[in-house]
Every structure is written in structure tokens, then in C-alpha cells.
Amino acid sequence: MTTLPASVDRDIFDHRIIFALKTIREALDCTIHEAIDVFAVRYEELRRDRPDDFAVGPEEYGRGFYS
């Protein structure tokens, strides 16, 4: 995966989905749909490798976010 700013990981961990997507779009100069795909891949990597760093569990993570 392309290197993303460290703030993306922090936003993902802290459940700041919109901020993470905005930063991904700016860093990669991509569409919102592409940013959502990149976000999903990075989320899965972080959830697998660093599950204890998340502010909320996987069951509640996407609650209230509709794309």
C-alpha cells in the first residue's frame, strides 16, 4: 500500500472516519470511492496487527457511518 500520513492511522484508531478519508483523498489525490477502498484495506491491516489500539470494538466501529 502507498505510504499514508501517520494521521490516517491515528484517525482510524480514534474512530474519526471522515478525517481519515479526507486525508487519504488529499494524500493520494483520489475520489471518495477510492479513498473508502484504501481506508477499508488500511482498517483491516490495523485491526489485524494492532487491535488493542482501537478506541471502539469492531462491532461498533462503522455504526452510524453510511457510504
N, C-alpha and C. Protein backbone atom coordinates (compact mmCIF):
# COMPACT_ATOMS: atom_id res chain seq x y z
N MET A 1 0.84 -1.18 0.00
CA MET A 1 0.00 0.00 0.00
C MET A 1 0.88 1.24 0.00
N THR A 2 0.41 2.28 -0.64
CA THR A 2 1.11 3.55 -0.66
C THR A 2 1.22 4.08 0.76
N THR A 3 2.34 4.70 1.05
CA THR A 3 2.53 5.27 2.37
C THR A 3 1.57 6.42 2.59
N LEU A 4 0.85 6.35 3.68
CA LEU A 4 -0.11 7.38 4.05
C LEU A 4 0.44 8.16 5.23
N PRO A 5 -0.02 9.41 5.42
CA PRO A 5 0.40 10.16 6.60
C PRO A 5 0.02 9.42 7.89
N ALA A 6 0.84 9.57 8.91
CA ALA A 6 0.59 8.90 10.19
C ALA A 6 -0.76 9.30 10.78
N SER A 7 -1.24 10.48 10.44
CA SER A 7 -2.52 10.93 10.99
C SER A 7 -3.67 10.04 10.56
N VAL A 8 -3.54 9.37 9.41
CA VAL A 8 -4.60 8.46 8.96
C VAL A 8 -4.77 7.32 9.96
N ASP A 9 -3.68 6.72 10.37
CA ASP A 9 -3.77 5.63 11.35
C ASP A 9 -4.37 6.14 12.66
N ARG A 10 -3.92 7.31 13.13
CA ARG A 10 -4.46 7.85 14.37
C ARG A 10 -5.96 8.09 14.25
N ASP A 11 -6.39 8.62 13.11
CA ASP A 11 -7.82 8.86 12.91
C ASP A 11 -8.60 7.55 12.86
N ILE A 12 -8.03 6.54 12.23
CA ILE A 12 -8.70 5.23 12.19
C ILE A 12 -8.81 4.66 13.60
N PHE A 13 -7.73 4.70 14.35
CA PHE A 13 -7.77 4.19 15.73
C PHE A 13 -8.79 4.92 16.58
N ASP A 14 -8.90 6.23 16.38
CA ASP A 14 -9.77 7.05 17.22
C ASP A 14 -11.19 7.19 16.68
N HIS A 15 -11.51 6.41 15.65
CA HIS A 15 -12.86 6.36 15.09
C HIS A 15 -13.26 7.68 14.43
N ARG A 16 -12.29 8.36 13.83
CA ARG A 16 -12.53 9.60 13.10
C ARG A 16 -12.49 9.28 11.61
N ILE A 17 -13.52 8.62 11.15
CA ILE A 17 -13.57 8.10 9.78
C ILE A 17 -13.50 9.21 8.75
N ILE A 18 -14.28 10.26 8.92
CA ILE A 18 -14.33 11.34 7.94
C ILE A 18 -12.96 12.01 7.81
N PHE A 19 -12.29 12.26 8.93
CA PHE A 19 -10.97 12.88 8.87
C PHE A 19 -9.97 11.98 8.16
N ALA A 20 -10.03 10.68 8.42
CA ALA A 20 -9.13 9.74 7.75
C ALA A 20 -9.39 9.75 6.25
N LEU A 21 -10.65 9.73 5.85
CA LEU A 21 -10.98 9.75 4.42
C LEU A 21 -10.52 11.04 3.75
N LYS A 22 -10.69 12.15 4.43
CA LYS A 22 -10.26 13.44 3.88
C LYS A 22 -8.74 13.44 3.64
N THR A 23 -8.00 12.96 4.61
CA THR A 23 -6.54 12.92 4.49
C THR A 23 -6.11 11.96 3.39
N ILE A 24 -6.76 10.82 3.28
CA ILE A 24 -6.44 9.86 2.21
C ILE A 24 -6.68 10.51 0.85
N ARG A 25 -7.81 11.19 0.69
CA ARG A 25 -8.12 11.86 -0.57
C ARG A 25 -7.06 12.89 -0.92
N GLU A 26 -6.65 13.68 0.06
CA GLU A 26 -5.63 14.71 -0.18
C GLU A 26 -4.27 14.10 -0.51
N ALA A 27 -3.90 13.06 0.23
CA ALA A 27 -2.58 12.45 0.05
C ALA A 27 -2.46 11.71 -1.28
N LEU A 28 -3.54 11.06 -1.70
CA LEU A 28 -3.50 10.25 -2.91
C LEU A 28 -4.16 10.91 -4.11
N ASP A 29 -4.77 12.06 -3.89
CA ASP A 29 -5.48 12.78 -4.95
C ASP A 29 -6.45 11.82 -5.66
N CYS A 30 -7.36 11.27 -4.86
CA CYS A 30 -8.28 10.25 -5.39
C CYS A 30 -9.73 10.63 -5.09
N THR A 31 -10.63 9.85 -5.65
CA THR A 31 -12.06 10.06 -5.43
C THR A 31 -12.45 9.54 -4.04
N ILE A 32 -13.64 9.90 -3.60
CA ILE A 32 -14.13 9.41 -2.32
C ILE A 32 -14.28 7.89 -2.34
N HIS A 33 -14.69 7.34 -3.46
CA HIS A 33 -14.85 5.89 -3.57
C HIS A 33 -13.50 5.18 -3.45
N GLU A 34 -12.48 5.74 -4.07
CA GLU A 34 -11.14 5.17 -3.97
C GLU A 34 -10.62 5.31 -2.54
N ALA A 35 -10.89 6.45 -1.91
CA ALA A 35 -10.45 6.66 -0.53
C ALA A 35 -11.11 5.66 0.41
N ILE A 36 -12.38 5.38 0.19
CA ILE A 36 -13.07 4.39 1.02
C ILE A 36 -12.43 3.01 0.86
N ASP A 37 -12.05 2.66 -0.36
CA ASP A 37 -11.37 1.38 -0.59
C ASP A 37 -10.02 1.33 0.13
N VAL A 38 -9.26 2.41 0.05
CA VAL A 38 -7.95 2.47 0.72
C VAL A 38 -8.17 2.40 2.23
N PHE A 39 -9.15 3.14 2.73
CA PHE A 39 -9.48 3.12 4.15
C PHE A 39 -9.79 1.70 4.61
N ALA A 40 -10.61 1.00 3.86
CA ALA A 40 -11.02 -0.36 4.24
C ALA A 40 -9.82 -1.29 4.34
N VAL A 41 -8.91 -1.19 3.39
CA VAL A 41 -7.71 -2.03 3.42
C VAL A 41 -6.86 -1.70 4.64
N ARG A 42 -6.65 -0.39 4.87
CA ARG A 42 -5.82 0.02 6.00
C ARG A 42 -6.48 -0.35 7.33
N TYR A 43 -7.79 -0.17 7.42
CA TYR A 43 -8.52 -0.55 8.63
C TYR A 43 -8.29 -2.03 8.95
N GLU A 44 -8.44 -2.89 7.96
CA GLU A 44 -8.26 -4.33 8.17
C GLU A 44 -6.83 -4.65 8.60
N GLU A 45 -5.84 -3.98 8.00
CA GLU A 45 -4.45 -4.20 8.40
C GLU A 45 -4.24 -3.81 9.87
N LEU A 46 -4.74 -2.64 10.23
CA LEU A 46 -4.57 -2.18 11.61
C LEU A 46 -5.35 -3.05 12.59
N ARG A 47 -6.55 -3.44 12.23
CA ARG A 47 -7.37 -4.28 13.12
C ARG A 47 -6.67 -5.61 13.36
N ARG A 48 -6.01 -6.14 12.32
CA ARG A 48 -5.29 -7.41 12.44
C ARG A 48 -4.01 -7.25 13.27
N ASP A 49 -3.24 -6.18 12.98
CA ASP A 49 -1.91 -6.03 13.57
C ASP A 49 -1.88 -5.29 14.90
N ARG A 50 -2.86 -4.42 15.14
CA ARG A 50 -2.84 -3.60 16.36
C ARG A 50 -4.25 -3.44 16.95
N PRO A 51 -4.92 -4.52 17.25
CA PRO A 51 -6.31 -4.45 17.70
C PRO A 51 -6.50 -3.67 19.00
N ASP A 52 -5.51 -3.67 19.87
CA ASP A 52 -5.65 -3.00 21.17
C ASP A 52 -5.57 -1.48 21.08
N ASP A 53 -5.17 -0.95 19.92
CA ASP A 53 -5.03 0.50 19.76
C ASP A 53 -6.34 1.18 19.38
N PHE A 54 -7.39 0.42 19.12
CA PHE A 54 -8.66 0.99 18.69
C PHE A 54 -9.48 1.50 19.87
N ALA A 55 -10.14 2.65 19.65
CA ALA A 55 -10.98 3.26 20.68
C ALA A 55 -12.30 2.50 20.85
N VAL A 56 -12.77 1.86 19.78
CA VAL A 56 -14.02 1.09 19.84
C VAL A 56 -13.80 -0.28 19.21
N GLY A 57 -14.64 -1.22 19.59
CA GLY A 57 -14.54 -2.58 19.07
C GLY A 57 -15.05 -2.67 17.63
N PRO A 58 -14.76 -3.79 16.97
CA PRO A 58 -15.17 -3.94 15.57
C PRO A 58 -16.68 -3.94 15.38
N GLU A 59 -17.44 -4.35 16.39
CA GLU A 59 -18.90 -4.40 16.24
C GLU A 59 -19.49 -3.00 16.15
N GLU A 60 -18.87 -2.04 16.82
CA GLU A 60 -19.42 -0.69 16.86
C GLU A 60 -18.71 0.28 15.94
N TYR A 61 -17.63 -0.14 15.30
CA TYR A 61 -16.78 0.79 14.55
C TYR A 61 -17.54 1.55 13.45
N GLY A 62 -18.22 0.87 12.59
CA GLY A 62 -18.88 1.54 11.47
C GLY A 62 -20.29 2.01 11.76
N ARG A 63 -20.75 1.79 12.97
CA ARG A 63 -22.11 2.18 13.33
C ARG A 63 -22.32 3.68 13.11
N GLY A 64 -23.34 4.01 12.36
CA GLY A 64 -23.67 5.40 12.10
C GLY A 64 -22.97 6.01 10.91
N PHE A 65 -22.07 5.26 10.26
CA PHE A 65 -21.39 5.76 9.07
C PHE A 65 -21.94 5.05 7.86
N TYR A 66 -22.46 5.81 6.91
CA TYR A 66 -23.03 5.24 5.70
C TYR A 66 -22.31 5.82 4.51
N SER A 67 -21.83 4.95 3.64
CA SER A 67 -21.12 5.45 2.46
C SER A 67 -21.85 5.07 1.20
